[in-house]
Amino acid sequence: MRVMEMGLVLLAKDLGLPSEEANWNKILDRADKKMKDVRDGTEPKPPNWKEKEGFYSKACALLRNVKNAWRNDVMHLDQKYTSDEAASIFQAVKLFIEFLADDLEEPKPAESKG
């Protein structure tokens, strides 16, 4: 789930959204609102919006599916999973990360001063 969270933060940054001090649901709600506002014309369309809109929608859907199906229980230790269930969760996370990797770049680490 921590890997998914890193992807969530990268997605928020790519959308120009704040992600500090926010939980998954807040970031996903902000992403949905931003996409709606751009579609409605209440927020300007980024130059690459036509290519990115489908990507953002799919990424948010994948995140919500994992969040609703597994994330809360896993992070709060309320649930135990069989090996088969754990393999399914791993596959969902892998699908999401591979999906993001095709379109987003990880930020470069800040150079140390010294």
C-alpha atoms as a PDB file:
ATOM      1  CA  MET A   1       0.000   0.000   0.000  1.00  0.00           C
ATOM      2  CA  ARG A   2       2.962   2.331   0.546  1.00  0.00           C
ATOM      3  CA  VAL A   3       3.944   1.801  -3.092  1.00  0.00           C
ATOM      4  CA  MET A   4       0.416   2.762  -4.123  1.00  0.00           C
ATOM      5  CA  GLU A   5       0.646   5.842  -1.921  1.00  0.00           C
ATOM      6  CA  MET A   6       3.806   6.961  -3.699  1.00  0.00           C
ATOM      7  CA  GLY A   7       1.997   6.599  -7.012  1.00  0.00           C
ATOM      8  CA  LEU A   8      -0.918   8.596  -5.615  1.00  0.00           C
ATOM      9  CA  VAL A   9       1.413  11.443  -4.638  1.00  0.00           C
ATOM     10  CA  LEU A  10       3.059  11.427  -8.089  1.00  0.00           C
ATOM     11  CA  LEU A  11      -0.353  11.528  -9.724  1.00  0.00           C
ATOM     12  CA  ALA A  12      -1.428  14.460  -7.529  1.00  0.00           C
ATOM     13  CA  LYS A  13       1.736  16.371  -8.434  1.00  0.00           C
ATOM     14  CA  ASP A  14       1.200  15.717 -12.137  1.00  0.00           C
ATOM     15  CA  LEU A  15      -2.316  17.125 -11.785  1.00  0.00           C
ATOM     16  CA  GLY A  16      -0.966  20.150  -9.905  1.00  0.00           C
ATOM     17  CA  LEU A  17      -2.702  19.191  -6.677  1.00  0.00           C
ATOM     18  CA  PRO A  18      -1.420  19.451  -3.114  1.00  0.00           C
ATOM     19  CA  SER A  19      -0.770  16.068  -1.550  1.00  0.00           C
ATOM     20  CA  GLU A  20       0.910  16.927   1.726  1.00  0.00           C
ATOM     21  CA  GLU A  21      -1.081  16.085   4.834  1.00  0.00           C
ATOM     22  CA  ALA A  22      -3.836  14.500   2.752  1.00  0.00           C
ATOM     23  CA  ASN A  23      -5.261  11.024   2.810  1.00  0.00           C
ATOM     24  CA  TRP A  24      -6.049   8.873  -0.219  1.00  0.00           C
ATOM     25  CA  ASN A  25      -9.700   9.876  -0.307  1.00  0.00           C
ATOM     26  CA  LYS A  26      -8.978  13.609  -0.175  1.00  0.00           C
ATOM     27  CA  ILE A  27      -6.417  13.389  -2.974  1.00  0.00           C
ATOM     28  CA  LEU A  28      -8.745  11.297  -5.126  1.00  0.00           C
ATOM     29  CA  ASP A  29     -11.631  13.701  -4.465  1.00  0.00           C
ATOM     30  CA  ARG A  30      -9.384  16.635  -5.445  1.00  0.00           C
ATOM     31  CA  ALA A  31      -8.352  14.817  -8.629  1.00  0.00           C
ATOM     32  CA  ASP A  32     -11.982  14.094  -9.539  1.00  0.00           C
ATOM     33  CA  LYS A  33     -12.920  17.741  -8.905  1.00  0.00           C
ATOM     34  CA  LYS A  34     -10.009  19.025 -10.999  1.00  0.00           C
ATOM     35  CA  MET A  35     -10.946  16.760 -13.919  1.00  0.00           C
ATOM     36  CA  LYS A  36     -14.602  17.842 -13.650  1.00  0.00           C
ATOM     37  CA  ASP A  37     -13.643  21.530 -13.470  1.00  0.00           C
ATOM     38  CA  VAL A  38     -11.427  21.224 -16.550  1.00  0.00           C
ATOM     39  CA  ARG A  39     -14.193  19.399 -18.455  1.00  0.00           C
ATOM     40  CA  ASP A  40     -16.762  22.027 -17.364  1.00  0.00           C
ATOM     41  CA  GLY A  41     -14.466  24.893 -18.335  1.00  0.00           C
ATOM     42  CA  THR A  42     -14.281  26.344 -14.812  1.00  0.00           C
ATOM     43  CA  GLU A  43     -10.557  25.585 -14.812  1.00  0.00           C
ATOM     44  CA  PRO A  44      -8.260  26.121 -17.790  1.00  0.00           C
ATOM     45  CA  LYS A  45      -7.311  23.109 -19.874  1.00  0.00           C
ATOM     46  CA  PRO A  46      -3.647  22.211 -19.631  1.00  0.00           C
ATOM     47  CA  PRO A  47      -1.987  22.030 -23.057  1.00  0.00           C
ATOM     48  CA  ASN A  48      -1.755  18.240 -22.951  1.00  0.00           C
ATOM     49  CA  TRP A  49      -5.222  17.664 -21.486  1.00  0.00           C
ATOM     50  CA  LYS A  50      -6.600  15.700 -24.415  1.00  0.00           C
ATOM     51  CA  GLU A  51      -3.871  13.067 -24.028  1.00  0.00           C
ATOM     52  CA  LYS A  52      -3.864  13.090 -20.217  1.00  0.00           C
ATOM     53  CA  GLU A  53      -7.558  13.043 -19.293  1.00  0.00           C
ATOM     54  CA  GLY A  54      -8.038   9.327 -19.975  1.00  0.00           C
ATOM     55  CA  PHE A  55      -4.817   8.509 -18.149  1.00  0.00           C
ATOM     56  CA  TYR A  56      -5.901  10.476 -15.059  1.00  0.00           C
ATOM     57  CA  SER A  57      -9.356   8.877 -15.061  1.00  0.00           C
ATOM     58  CA  LYS A  58      -7.949   5.354 -15.306  1.00  0.00           C
ATOM     59  CA  ALA A  59      -5.305   5.991 -12.642  1.00  0.00           C
ATOM     60  CA  CYS A  60      -7.918   7.342 -10.223  1.00  0.00           C
ATOM     61  CA  ALA A  61     -10.207   4.373 -10.899  1.00  0.00           C
ATOM     62  CA  LEU A  62      -7.380   1.904 -10.218  1.00  0.00           C
ATOM     63  CA  LEU A  63      -6.496   3.723  -6.989  1.00  0.00           C
ATOM     64  CA  ARG A  64     -10.086   3.840  -5.773  1.00  0.00           C
ATOM     65  CA  ASN A  65     -10.572   0.151  -6.485  1.00  0.00           C
ATOM     66  CA  VAL A  66      -7.535  -0.811  -4.413  1.00  0.00           C
ATOM     67  CA  LYS A  67      -8.417   1.688  -1.680  1.00  0.00           C
ATOM     68  CA  ASN A  68     -11.987   0.463  -1.338  1.00  0.00           C
ATOM     69  CA  ALA A  69     -11.225  -3.235  -1.688  1.00  0.00           C
ATOM     70  CA  TRP A  70      -8.081  -3.592   0.413  1.00  0.00           C
ATOM     71  CA  ARG A  71      -6.236  -0.499   1.582  1.00  0.00           C
ATOM     72  CA  ASN A  72      -8.135   0.457   4.739  1.00  0.00           C
ATOM     73  CA  ASP A  73      -8.249  -3.067   6.123  1.00  0.00           C
ATOM     74  CA  VAL A  74      -4.595  -3.753   5.302  1.00  0.00           C
ATOM     75  CA  MET A  75      -3.306  -0.512   6.777  1.00  0.00           C
ATOM     76  CA  HIS A  76      -5.310  -0.911   9.971  1.00  0.00           C
ATOM     77  CA  LEU A  77      -4.585  -4.619  10.450  1.00  0.00           C
ATOM     78  CA  ASP A  78      -8.305  -5.495  10.550  1.00  0.00           C
ATOM     79  CA  GLN A  79      -7.983  -8.182   7.914  1.00  0.00           C
ATOM     80  CA  LYS A  80      -5.895 -11.249   7.236  1.00  0.00           C
ATOM     81  CA  TYR A  81      -5.501 -12.546   3.715  1.00  0.00           C
ATOM     82  CA  THR A  82      -4.849 -15.974   2.272  1.00  0.00           C
ATOM     83  CA  SER A  83      -1.916 -16.462  -0.091  1.00  0.00           C
ATOM     84  CA  ASP A  84      -4.281 -16.286  -3.076  1.00  0.00           C
ATOM     85  CA  GLU A  85      -5.874 -13.059  -1.825  1.00  0.00           C
ATOM     86  CA  ALA A  86      -2.449 -11.530  -1.167  1.00  0.00           C
ATOM     87  CA  ALA A  87      -1.409 -12.474  -4.708  1.00  0.00           C
ATOM     88  CA  SER A  88      -4.509 -10.685  -6.066  1.00  0.00           C
ATOM     89  CA  ILE A  89      -3.652  -7.546  -4.107  1.00  0.00           C
ATOM     90  CA  PHE A  90      -0.074  -7.708  -5.363  1.00  0.00           C
ATOM     91  CA  GLN A  91      -1.345  -7.994  -8.959  1.00  0.00           C
ATOM     92  CA  ALA A  92      -3.593  -4.937  -8.504  1.00  0.00           C
ATOM     93  CA  VAL A  93      -0.680  -2.907  -7.130  1.00  0.00           C
ATOM     94  CA  LYS A  94       1.600  -4.123  -9.933  1.00  0.00           C
ATOM     95  CA  LEU A  95      -0.975  -3.159 -12.571  1.00  0.00           C
ATOM     96  CA  PHE A  96      -1.282   0.338 -11.116  1.00  0.00           C
ATOM     97  CA  ILE A  97       2.463   0.944 -10.874  1.00  0.00           C
ATOM     98  CA  GLU A  98       3.081  -0.344 -14.402  1.00  0.00           C
ATOM     99  CA  PHE A  99       0.264   1.894 -15.636  1.00  0.00           C
ATOM    100  CA  LEU A 100       1.802   4.953 -13.969  1.00  0.00           C
ATOM    101  CA  ALA A 101       5.313   4.070 -15.119  1.00  0.00           C
ATOM    102  CA  ASP A 102       4.210   4.353 -18.747  1.00  0.00           C
ATOM    103  CA  ASP A 103       3.198   7.987 -18.300  1.00  0.00           C
ATOM    104  CA  LEU A 104       4.729   9.606 -15.198  1.00  0.00           C
ATOM    105  CA  GLU A 105       8.310  10.222 -14.235  1.00  0.00           C
ATOM    106  CA  GLU A 106       9.537   9.948 -10.686  1.00  0.00           C
ATOM    107  CA  PRO A 107      10.883  13.294  -9.471  1.00  0.00           C
ATOM    108  CA  LYS A 108      14.639  13.541  -9.329  1.00  0.00           C
ATOM    109  CA  PRO A 109      16.057  13.654  -5.791  1.00  0.00           C
ATOM    110  CA  ALA A 110      17.170  17.077  -4.652  1.00  0.00           C
ATOM    111  CA  GLU A 111      20.890  17.559  -4.832  1.00  0.00           C
ATOM    112  CA  SER A 112      22.529  17.686  -1.436  1.00  0.00           C
ATOM    113  CA  LYS A 113      24.204  20.881  -0.399  1.00  0.00           C
ATOM    114  CA  GLY A 114      27.572  20.478   1.139  1.00  0.00           C
END
